[in-house]
Amino acid sequence: MKIIQKVLLIIVPCVMITYAVVQLGADTVNNQAIAASAQESAGDYPMMSQLSKKGSYNQDDKYKAIDTFMGVLELVESNYVEPVESQEAIYGAIKGMLEQLDPHSSFMTPDEFTGFQQSTSGSFGGLGITITMKNDLLTVMNAIEDTPAWKAGIKGGDVIALIDGEPTANMTLDEAVKKMRGKAGTKIKLTIARKGEDKPIDLTLTRAIIKINSVKYDMIDKELGYIRLTQFQENSYKEMVNAVRQLSNQGAKGILLDLRNNGGGLLNEAISIASIFLPINKTVVFTRQRDKQEQHYKTEAVNYTNRTIPMVVLVNEWSASASEIIAGAMQDYNRAVIVGKSTFGKGSVQSIMPLSDGSAVRLTTSRYYTPNGRSIQGVGIKPDVEVEPGTIEYTSDYHVIKESDLAGHLKGENEKPKNSDDNNGEIDEAIKRASQVLPLNDDLQYISAVQVLKGMIVYGKADK
């Protein structure tokens, strides 16, 4: 099986594989013969006879195990209360097998594989929502900006309890994604459970064509550049190069890279983005397979770099996979200060393996490690400066007594004539500066990251 351009996927939502399909075809004739002879001699209990015949095998003999599977398949096809399509039954069996491995290995039907390819290309019909399984609950990682989900107010941590009235308790991730995607203009109803809310929230959304620009950027003030990377998809590297170049041309002396709610994406894009900020031929991440073989992914020669500008990387609990690779590498090389909350903790790599019928396997093939050999599986990247999420309330209805307010105080050489409205004016200007780029003026993590970056610039350090 050819691994798709060795595109190793490191994205949180996923699941499904296929080994058995190749083996199943070779034994079909033999299984039919065994099933027929068993039924002839079974008398009044043909199903019991077949089960007994198919159930006696050596566990170490995978071919006999496949015989058992084929026997059960024939039982289902012949005796289930309603007709069953063989392909549908086999697909279901494969999905069940892979779901037993880990949350990120999965089998994709041809339609699901097509949808997956569309999502990584950056354009598809749907809601603009990233989901994962957390404690067996269908949980929102983030709603992508300017999409129907984002406009409806869906937030990271929301649990999707119902999709068009159907409970999600027994759905796989791919099944849920398939239900939420659809033709632009069509409606869908989601029932959301949110922490802190006493009652479920019913939302009716209209699907749209989701065209994702994975990078957004702007100047925070005259010295700081802000970049938000929403996911690692095709062309993310090119978008990142453009953002860094534009901000540098506008005079940015430091960069705040926001990876919050970024669930990951394509590994090759993560390596290229790391190459913008790290010296060439440095390990960004290395993988280790079950036979202990390692593969090191190193920074490349790229057409634009900025390897000295001071940086802060902002992360949270929903920063996963490729986001954790970038944060881990920047932390290990003392290239940036990591601010926020400990990340999701997904330290495994998935390989996409297309099959001859248009379906595909997404299989966990290795663990990954930061340049210093840290495994983040289950623990995540711990920030250098931990900041809880929260809001900031700005007030301007108070007055602070300063030296210049004291009657008869000694006039300073640089002191300007006092105006009664000066204090309030300064406060209002500070609020305006904090909110001029994005609606982040009440974001405690963002404001804290900005202050750390300003301190780095003042002390002239590009490292921790």
Protein backbone atom coordinates (compact mmCIF):
# COMPACT_ATOMS: atom_id res chain seq x y z
CA MET A 1 0.00 0.00 0.00
CA LYS A 2 1.37 3.29 -1.07
CA ILE A 3 1.58 5.89 1.66
CA ILE A 4 0.16 9.09 0.28
CA GLN A 5 3.24 11.29 -0.48
CA LYS A 6 4.30 10.18 2.98
CA VAL A 7 1.92 12.81 4.28
CA LEU A 8 2.14 12.05 7.95
CA LEU A 9 -0.92 13.46 9.58
CA ILE A 10 -0.76 14.97 13.02
CA ILE A 11 -4.29 16.20 13.46
CA VAL A 12 -6.42 15.56 16.55
CA PRO A 13 -9.75 14.50 14.98
CA CYS A 14 -9.43 11.17 13.11
CA VAL A 15 -9.79 7.31 13.26
CA MET A 16 -9.80 4.04 10.95
CA ILE A 17 -7.45 1.29 9.18
CA THR A 18 -7.44 -1.79 6.90
CA TYR A 19 -5.30 -4.83 6.99
CA ALA A 20 -8.01 -7.47 6.83
CA VAL A 21 -9.49 -6.39 3.51
CA VAL A 22 -6.46 -7.56 1.55
CA GLN A 23 -6.52 -10.91 3.28
CA LEU A 24 -10.28 -11.40 3.07
CA GLY A 25 -10.44 -11.75 -0.70
CA ALA A 26 -8.03 -14.69 -0.84
CA ASP A 27 -10.14 -16.97 1.35
CA THR A 28 -13.66 -16.21 0.13
CA VAL A 29 -14.14 -19.43 -1.90
CA ASN A 30 -12.86 -21.63 0.90
CA ASN A 31 -15.16 -19.96 3.42
CA GLN A 32 -18.19 -20.49 1.21
CA ALA A 33 -17.42 -24.20 0.95
CA ILE A 34 -17.02 -24.58 4.72
CA ALA A 35 -20.27 -22.70 5.40
CA ALA A 36 -22.18 -24.88 2.92
CA SER A 37 -20.95 -28.19 4.37
CA ALA A 38 -21.70 -27.04 7.91
CA GLN A 39 -25.26 -26.13 7.02
CA GLU A 40 -25.89 -29.51 5.37
CA SER A 41 -24.98 -31.43 8.56
CA ALA A 42 -26.40 -29.05 11.11
CA GLY A 43 -29.94 -30.34 11.12
CA ASP A 44 -32.24 -28.03 13.03
CA TYR A 45 -29.41 -25.79 14.31
CA PRO A 46 -27.55 -24.54 11.22
CA MET A 47 -26.48 -21.22 12.79
CA MET A 48 -25.11 -22.89 15.93
CA SER A 49 -23.18 -25.35 13.79
CA GLN A 50 -21.65 -22.58 11.70
CA LEU A 51 -20.64 -20.59 14.76
CA SER A 52 -19.05 -23.65 16.31
CA LYS A 53 -17.17 -24.47 13.13
CA LYS A 54 -15.94 -20.91 12.67
CA GLY A 55 -15.15 -20.33 16.31
CA SER A 56 -12.54 -23.07 16.73
CA TYR A 57 -9.19 -21.61 15.74
CA ASN A 58 -5.72 -20.97 17.02
CA GLN A 59 -5.45 -17.33 18.05
CA ASP A 60 -1.96 -17.17 16.63
CA ASP A 61 -3.17 -18.19 13.19
CA LYS A 62 -4.50 -15.05 11.53
CA TYR A 63 -5.76 -16.94 8.52
CA LYS A 64 -8.04 -19.05 10.70
CA ALA A 65 -9.16 -15.84 12.40
CA ILE A 66 -10.11 -14.48 9.00
CA ASP A 67 -12.02 -17.73 8.35
CA THR A 68 -14.01 -16.95 11.50
CA PHE A 69 -14.71 -13.46 10.27
CA MET A 70 -15.93 -14.74 6.91
CA GLY A 71 -18.16 -17.25 8.65
CA VAL A 72 -19.77 -14.50 10.73
CA LEU A 73 -20.17 -12.37 7.60
CA GLU A 74 -22.04 -15.20 5.88
CA LEU A 75 -24.24 -15.66 8.94
CA VAL A 76 -25.14 -11.96 8.87
CA GLU A 77 -25.82 -11.97 5.15
CA SER A 78 -27.98 -15.11 5.33
CA ASN A 79 -29.84 -14.67 8.61
CA TYR A 80 -30.02 -11.02 9.67
CA VAL A 81 -33.59 -9.75 9.90
CA GLU A 82 -33.00 -7.29 7.03
CA PRO A 83 -30.78 -7.49 3.91
CA VAL A 84 -27.17 -6.45 4.50
CA GLU A 85 -24.73 -5.24 1.84
CA SER A 86 -21.44 -7.14 2.04
CA GLN A 87 -19.33 -4.03 1.51
CA GLU A 88 -21.19 -2.12 4.20
CA ALA A 89 -20.74 -5.01 6.64
CA ILE A 90 -17.02 -5.31 5.87
CA TYR A 91 -16.49 -1.56 6.19
CA GLY A 92 -18.24 -1.64 9.55
CA ALA A 93 -16.07 -4.53 10.75
CA ILE A 94 -12.91 -2.73 9.71
CA LYS A 95 -14.02 0.45 11.46
CA GLY A 96 -14.73 -1.51 14.62
CA MET A 97 -11.30 -3.14 14.48
CA LEU A 98 -9.52 0.17 14.13
CA GLU A 99 -11.51 1.92 16.84
CA GLN A 100 -10.01 -0.62 19.25
CA LEU A 101 -6.47 0.60 18.49
CA ASP A 102 -6.52 4.27 19.52
CA PRO A 103 -8.67 7.37 18.95
CA HIS A 104 -6.67 8.44 15.89
CA SER A 105 -6.49 5.30 13.72
CA SER A 106 -9.44 4.94 11.41
CA PHE A 107 -10.88 3.69 8.15
CA MET A 108 -12.31 6.13 5.62
CA THR A 109 -14.85 5.10 3.03
CA PRO A 110 -14.34 6.59 -0.46
CA ASP A 111 -16.72 9.46 0.37
CA GLU A 112 -15.04 10.09 3.72
CA PHE A 113 -11.59 10.04 2.13
CA THR A 114 -12.71 12.57 -0.47
CA GLY A 115 -14.03 14.82 2.30
CA PHE A 116 -10.75 14.45 4.17
CA GLN A 117 -8.75 15.53 1.12
CA GLN A 118 -11.01 18.53 0.69
CA SER A 119 -10.55 19.59 4.30
CA THR A 120 -6.77 19.58 4.05
CA SER A 121 -6.92 21.58 0.81
CA GLY A 122 -8.68 24.41 2.65
CA SER A 123 -12.10 24.43 0.93
CA PHE A 124 -15.20 22.35 1.72
CA GLY A 125 -18.90 22.62 2.48
CA GLY A 126 -19.79 22.58 6.15
CA LEU A 127 -19.84 24.52 9.41
CA GLY A 128 -16.19 25.38 10.07
CA ILE A 129 -15.83 23.38 13.24
CA THR A 130 -13.01 21.17 14.53
CA ILE A 131 -14.00 18.29 16.79
CA THR A 132 -12.39 15.53 18.81
CA MET A 133 -13.38 12.83 21.27
CA LYS A 134 -12.78 13.74 24.91
CA ASN A 135 -13.96 11.34 27.61
CA ASP A 136 -16.06 9.61 24.92
CA LEU A 137 -17.90 12.88 24.21
CA LEU A 138 -17.99 14.63 20.84
CA THR A 139 -16.19 17.81 21.85
CA VAL A 140 -15.50 21.02 19.97
CA MET A 141 -11.84 22.02 19.71
CA ASN A 142 -12.55 25.31 18.01
CA ALA A 143 -14.80 27.13 15.60
CA ILE A 144 -12.85 28.65 12.73
CA GLU A 145 -13.27 32.39 12.43
CA ASP A 146 -15.84 33.81 10.01
CA THR A 147 -17.57 30.43 9.55
CA PRO A 148 -21.18 29.48 10.44
CA ALA A 149 -20.04 27.75 13.64
CA TRP A 150 -18.03 30.78 14.74
CA LYS A 151 -20.87 33.20 13.97
CA ALA A 152 -23.28 31.00 15.95
CA GLY A 153 -21.06 31.34 19.02
CA ILE A 154 -19.81 27.75 19.25
CA LYS A 155 -16.77 27.56 21.52
CA GLY A 156 -13.92 25.21 22.30
CA GLY A 157 -14.99 22.75 24.98
CA ASP A 158 -18.64 22.64 23.88
CA VAL A 159 -20.03 19.10 23.70
CA ILE A 160 -22.21 18.28 20.70
CA ALA A 161 -24.95 16.11 22.18
CA LEU A 162 -27.30 15.88 19.18
CA ILE A 163 -26.95 16.36 15.43
CA ASP A 164 -30.37 16.92 13.83
CA GLY A 165 -31.89 15.26 16.87
CA GLU A 166 -29.69 12.16 16.66
CA PRO A 167 -27.55 11.40 19.74
CA THR A 168 -23.81 11.47 19.12
CA ALA A 169 -23.01 8.99 21.89
CA ASN A 170 -22.36 6.11 19.49
CA MET A 171 -20.97 8.11 16.57
CA THR A 172 -17.37 8.00 15.43
CA LEU A 173 -15.57 11.25 14.64
CA ASP A 174 -15.78 10.64 10.91
CA GLU A 175 -19.48 9.84 11.10
CA ALA A 176 -20.10 13.10 12.95
CA VAL A 177 -18.01 15.07 10.45
CA LYS A 178 -19.91 13.50 7.56
CA LYS A 179 -23.25 14.51 9.09
CA MET A 180 -22.16 18.09 9.66
CA ARG A 181 -20.71 18.58 6.21
CA GLY A 182 -23.06 19.12 3.30
CA LYS A 183 -24.21 21.35 0.52
CA ALA A 184 -23.88 25.07 1.11
CA GLY A 185 -27.21 26.66 2.02
CA THR A 186 -28.64 23.62 3.77
CA LYS A 187 -29.53 23.81 7.46
CA ILE A 188 -28.50 21.64 10.39
CA LYS A 189 -29.51 21.64 14.04
CA LEU A 190 -26.94 21.07 16.78
CA THR A 191 -27.69 20.64 20.46
CA ILE A 192 -24.78 21.83 22.56
CA ALA A 193 -23.92 21.15 26.19
CA ARG A 194 -21.71 23.91 27.62
CA LYS A 195 -19.94 24.10 30.94
CA GLY A 196 -21.64 26.62 33.19
CA GLU A 197 -24.97 26.40 31.34
CA ASP A 198 -27.86 24.65 33.08
CA LYS A 199 -29.73 23.75 29.89
CA PRO A 200 -28.66 22.42 26.47
CA ILE A 201 -28.31 25.04 23.75
CA ASP A 202 -30.13 24.43 20.46
CA LEU A 203 -28.52 26.04 17.42
CA THR A 204 -29.69 26.01 13.81
CA LEU A 205 -26.84 26.69 11.41
CA THR A 206 -26.70 27.12 7.65
CA ARG A 207 -23.84 25.28 5.93
CA ALA A 208 -21.49 27.31 3.77
CA ILE A 209 -18.45 26.79 1.58
CA ILE A 210 -15.61 26.93 4.08
CA LYS A 211 -12.62 28.59 2.48
CA ILE A 212 -9.95 28.73 5.10
CA ASN A 213 -7.02 31.08 5.16
CA SER A 214 -5.00 29.43 7.87
CA VAL A 215 -2.97 32.55 8.73
CA LYS A 216 -4.23 35.92 9.94
CA TYR A 217 -1.91 38.73 10.94
CA ASP A 218 -1.70 42.40 11.85
CA MET A 219 0.38 44.88 13.80
CA ILE A 220 -0.54 45.15 17.49
CA ASP A 221 1.19 48.49 17.78
CA LYS A 222 4.20 50.11 16.15
CA GLU A 223 6.60 47.43 17.43
CA LEU A 224 4.75 44.11 17.69
CA GLY A 225 3.41 41.76 15.04
CA TYR A 226 0.56 39.32 15.72
CA ILE A 227 0.08 36.07 13.73
CA ARG A 228 -2.73 33.58 14.29
CA LEU A 229 -2.26 30.15 12.71
CA THR A 230 -5.57 28.25 12.77
CA GLN A 231 -4.40 24.92 11.26
CA PHE A 232 -1.58 23.35 9.26
CA GLN A 233 -3.02 22.85 5.79
CA GLU A 234 -1.77 23.11 2.23
CA ASN A 235 -0.21 26.54 1.63
CA SER A 236 0.05 27.39 5.36
CA TYR A 237 3.81 27.82 4.93
CA LYS A 238 3.34 30.28 2.06
CA GLU A 239 0.77 32.22 4.08
CA MET A 240 3.13 32.30 7.06
CA VAL A 241 6.03 33.59 4.94
CA ASN A 242 3.83 36.38 3.65
CA ALA A 243 2.70 37.29 7.17
CA VAL A 244 6.22 37.40 8.64
CA ARG A 245 7.55 39.38 5.66
CA GLN A 246 4.73 41.92 5.79
CA LEU A 247 5.04 42.43 9.54
CA SER A 248 8.82 42.81 9.29
CA ASN A 249 8.40 45.38 6.53
CA GLN A 250 6.00 47.29 8.77
CA GLY A 251 8.66 47.51 11.46
CA ALA A 252 7.74 44.66 13.80
CA LYS A 253 10.48 44.13 16.40
CA GLY A 254 8.81 41.05 17.87
CA ILE A 255 6.23 38.44 16.83
CA LEU A 256 3.43 36.87 18.84
CA LEU A 257 2.49 33.52 17.22
CA ASP A 258 -0.96 32.42 18.42
CA LEU A 259 -1.48 28.63 18.16
CA ARG A 260 -4.45 28.44 20.50
CA ASN A 261 -7.23 26.09 19.35
CA ASN A 262 -5.03 24.86 16.50
CA GLY A 263 -5.68 21.12 16.29
CA GLY A 264 -2.78 20.33 13.96
CA GLY A 265 -2.62 19.31 10.32
CA LEU A 266 0.09 18.40 7.85
CA LEU A 267 3.54 17.60 9.16
CA ASN A 268 5.39 18.87 6.09
CA GLU A 269 3.79 22.29 6.55
CA ALA A 270 4.86 22.35 10.20
CA ILE A 271 8.47 21.56 9.24
CA SER A 272 8.50 24.33 6.62
CA ILE A 273 7.04 26.86 9.06
CA ALA A 274 9.62 25.93 11.71
CA SER A 275 12.30 26.49 9.05
CA ILE A 276 11.35 30.17 8.90
CA PHE A 277 12.40 30.71 12.52
CA LEU A 278 15.08 28.07 13.25
CA PRO A 279 18.57 27.52 11.78
CA ILE A 280 18.85 25.12 8.87
CA ASN A 281 19.40 21.38 9.45
CA LYS A 282 18.02 21.41 12.99
CA THR A 283 15.72 18.61 14.13
CA VAL A 284 12.18 19.95 14.51
CA VAL A 285 10.72 16.61 15.58
CA PHE A 286 11.67 12.97 15.36
CA THR A 287 9.47 9.91 15.19
CA ARG A 288 10.06 6.47 16.64
CA GLN A 289 8.29 3.38 15.34
CA ARG A 290 7.63 0.22 17.31
CA ASP A 291 10.90 -1.31 16.04
CA LYS A 292 12.69 1.71 17.60
CA GLN A 293 13.74 3.09 14.23
CA GLU A 294 13.88 6.88 14.25
CA GLN A 295 13.28 9.43 11.54
CA HIS A 296 14.38 13.00 12.12
CA TYR A 297 12.57 15.84 10.38
CA LYS A 298 14.92 18.79 10.06
CA THR A 299 14.61 22.42 9.07
CA GLU A 300 14.98 23.08 5.38
CA ALA A 301 16.45 25.76 3.18
CA VAL A 302 13.44 28.00 2.59
CA ASN A 303 13.07 31.15 0.53
CA TYR A 304 12.46 33.46 3.50
CA THR A 305 13.65 33.36 7.11
CA ASN A 306 13.64 35.53 10.22
CA ARG A 307 15.68 33.63 12.77
CA THR A 308 16.49 36.40 15.26
CA ILE A 309 13.30 38.34 15.85
CA PRO A 310 12.06 37.94 19.46
CA MET A 311 9.04 35.61 19.65
CA VAL A 312 6.33 34.47 22.01
CA VAL A 313 4.21 31.42 21.17
CA LEU A 314 0.73 31.39 22.70
CA VAL A 315 -0.88 27.96 23.33
CA ASN A 316 -3.82 26.45 25.20
CA GLU A 317 -5.44 23.10 25.96
CA TRP A 318 -6.67 22.77 22.36
CA SER A 319 -3.28 23.31 20.73
CA ALA A 320 -2.45 19.84 19.43
CA SER A 321 -0.14 17.76 17.25
CA ALA A 322 1.57 20.05 14.73
CA SER A 323 1.00 22.98 17.09
CA GLU A 324 2.76 21.06 19.84
CA ILE A 325 5.62 20.19 17.47
CA ILE A 326 6.21 23.87 16.71
CA ALA A 327 5.89 24.92 20.37
CA GLY A 328 8.16 22.08 21.54
CA ALA A 329 10.88 22.86 19.02
CA MET A 330 10.81 26.58 19.76
CA GLN A 331 11.02 25.81 23.47
CA ASP A 332 13.85 23.27 23.16
CA TYR A 333 16.00 25.65 21.11
CA ASN A 334 15.24 28.62 23.40
CA ARG A 335 13.88 30.38 20.33
CA ALA A 336 10.64 31.61 21.88
CA VAL A 337 8.87 31.94 25.21
CA ILE A 338 5.79 29.72 25.44
CA VAL A 339 2.82 31.37 27.15
CA GLY A 340 -0.63 30.01 28.03
CA LYS A 341 -1.84 26.60 29.22
CA SER A 342 -0.41 23.10 28.79
CA THR A 343 -1.28 21.75 25.36
CA PHE A 344 -3.54 18.84 24.33
CA GLY A 345 -0.87 16.11 24.54
CA LYS A 346 -1.14 14.26 21.22
CA GLY A 347 2.26 12.74 20.54
CA SER A 348 1.44 10.25 17.79
CA VAL A 349 1.73 10.36 14.00
CA GLN A 350 -0.83 9.05 11.54
CA SER A 351 -0.04 7.87 8.01
CA ILE A 352 -2.68 7.98 5.27
CA MET A 353 -2.77 4.84 3.11
CA PRO A 354 -5.16 4.91 0.12
CA LEU A 355 -6.71 1.61 -0.98
CA SER A 356 -7.72 0.36 -4.43
CA ASP A 357 -11.47 1.00 -3.99
CA GLY A 358 -10.99 4.68 -3.16
CA SER A 359 -11.15 4.19 0.58
CA ALA A 360 -8.18 4.85 2.86
CA VAL A 361 -6.59 3.88 6.13
CA ARG A 362 -5.44 6.39 8.68
CA LEU A 363 -3.06 4.47 10.92
CA THR A 364 -1.00 5.50 13.91
CA THR A 365 2.49 4.45 12.85
CA SER A 366 4.84 6.13 15.32
CA ARG A 367 5.27 8.38 18.32
CA TYR A 368 6.92 11.75 17.97
CA TYR A 369 9.40 13.53 20.22
CA THR A 370 10.68 17.09 20.56
CA PRO A 371 14.32 17.82 19.57
CA ASN A 372 15.44 17.17 23.17
CA GLY A 373 13.72 13.78 23.16
CA ARG A 374 10.62 14.73 25.13
CA SER A 375 7.47 12.71 24.53
CA ILE A 376 4.39 14.88 24.91
CA GLN A 377 1.89 12.02 24.57
CA GLY A 378 -0.75 12.54 27.24
CA VAL A 379 1.10 15.41 28.93
CA GLY A 380 1.49 18.16 26.32
CA ILE A 381 3.88 21.09 26.21
CA LYS A 382 4.10 22.98 29.49
CA PRO A 383 4.33 26.75 28.97
CA ASP A 384 7.25 28.78 30.29
CA VAL A 385 4.71 31.32 31.54
CA GLU A 386 1.41 29.73 32.54
CA VAL A 387 -1.64 31.96 32.20
CA GLU A 388 -5.22 30.90 32.81
CA PRO A 389 -7.84 31.99 30.30
CA GLY A 390 -9.83 34.97 31.49
CA THR A 391 -11.06 38.44 30.72
CA ILE A 392 -9.87 41.89 31.74
CA GLU A 393 -12.17 44.69 32.80
CA TYR A 394 -10.87 48.13 31.95
CA THR A 395 -12.08 51.04 34.11
CA SER A 396 -11.42 54.76 33.83
CA ASP A 397 -13.60 56.15 36.60
CA TYR A 398 -10.88 56.48 39.19
CA HIS A 399 -8.03 58.88 39.84
CA VAL A 400 -4.59 57.93 41.15
CA ILE A 401 -2.77 60.49 43.29
CA LYS A 402 0.72 61.16 41.96
CA GLU A 403 3.52 63.58 42.89
CA SER A 404 2.31 66.02 40.26
CA ASP A 405 -1.09 66.21 42.01
CA LEU A 406 0.36 67.47 45.30
CA ALA A 407 -0.15 71.17 45.97
CA GLY A 408 3.10 73.12 45.71
CA HIS A 409 5.10 70.12 44.46
CA LEU A 410 8.52 70.70 42.95
CA LYS A 411 8.10 71.14 39.19
CA GLY A 412 10.00 68.66 37.05
CA GLU A 413 12.18 69.71 34.12
CA ASN A 414 10.11 67.57 31.74
CA GLU A 415 6.74 68.12 33.40
CA LYS A 416 4.06 69.54 31.14
CA PRO A 417 1.27 71.85 32.22
CA LYS A 418 -1.45 69.71 33.80
CA ASN A 419 -4.86 69.26 32.23
CA SER A 420 -7.68 67.87 34.33
CA ASP A 421 -8.62 65.36 31.63
CA ASP A 422 -5.09 63.99 31.09
CA ASN A 423 -5.44 60.91 33.29
CA ASN A 424 -8.68 59.76 31.74
CA GLY A 425 -7.26 60.44 28.28
CA GLU A 426 -4.21 58.27 28.93
CA ILE A 427 -6.39 55.40 30.15
CA ASP A 428 -8.73 55.66 27.18
CA GLU A 429 -5.75 55.63 24.80
CA ALA A 430 -4.36 52.51 26.48
CA ILE A 431 -7.68 50.74 26.00
CA LYS A 432 -7.78 51.81 22.36
CA ARG A 433 -4.28 50.46 21.71
CA ALA A 434 -5.13 47.13 23.32
CA SER A 435 -8.15 46.58 21.06
CA GLN A 436 -6.99 48.02 17.75
CA VAL A 437 -6.05 44.75 15.99
CA LEU A 438 -8.54 42.02 16.88
CA PRO A 439 -11.23 41.64 19.52
CA LEU A 440 -8.61 40.51 22.03
CA ASN A 441 -8.58 43.47 24.40
CA ASP A 442 -10.32 41.42 27.11
CA ASP A 443 -8.21 38.27 26.52
CA LEU A 444 -5.98 37.72 29.56
CA GLN A 445 -3.68 35.21 27.83
CA TYR A 446 -3.21 37.49 24.85
CA ILE A 447 -2.49 40.57 26.95
CA SER A 448 -0.03 38.58 29.09
CA ALA A 449 1.77 37.30 25.99
CA VAL A 450 2.04 40.84 24.65
CA GLN A 451 3.60 42.01 27.91
CA VAL A 452 6.14 39.16 27.85
CA LEU A 453 7.07 40.03 24.25
CA LYS A 454 7.46 43.71 25.12
CA GLY A 455 9.79 42.76 27.97
CA MET A 456 11.91 40.64 25.61
CA ILE A 457 12.27 43.56 23.23
CA VAL A 458 13.20 45.97 26.02
CA TYR A 459 15.97 43.63 27.21
CA GLY A 460 17.05 42.88 23.64
CA LYS A 461 16.80 39.10 23.93
CA ALA A 462 15.52 36.70 21.30
CA ASP A 463 15.62 33.73 23.67
CA LYS A 464 14.28 32.92 27.11
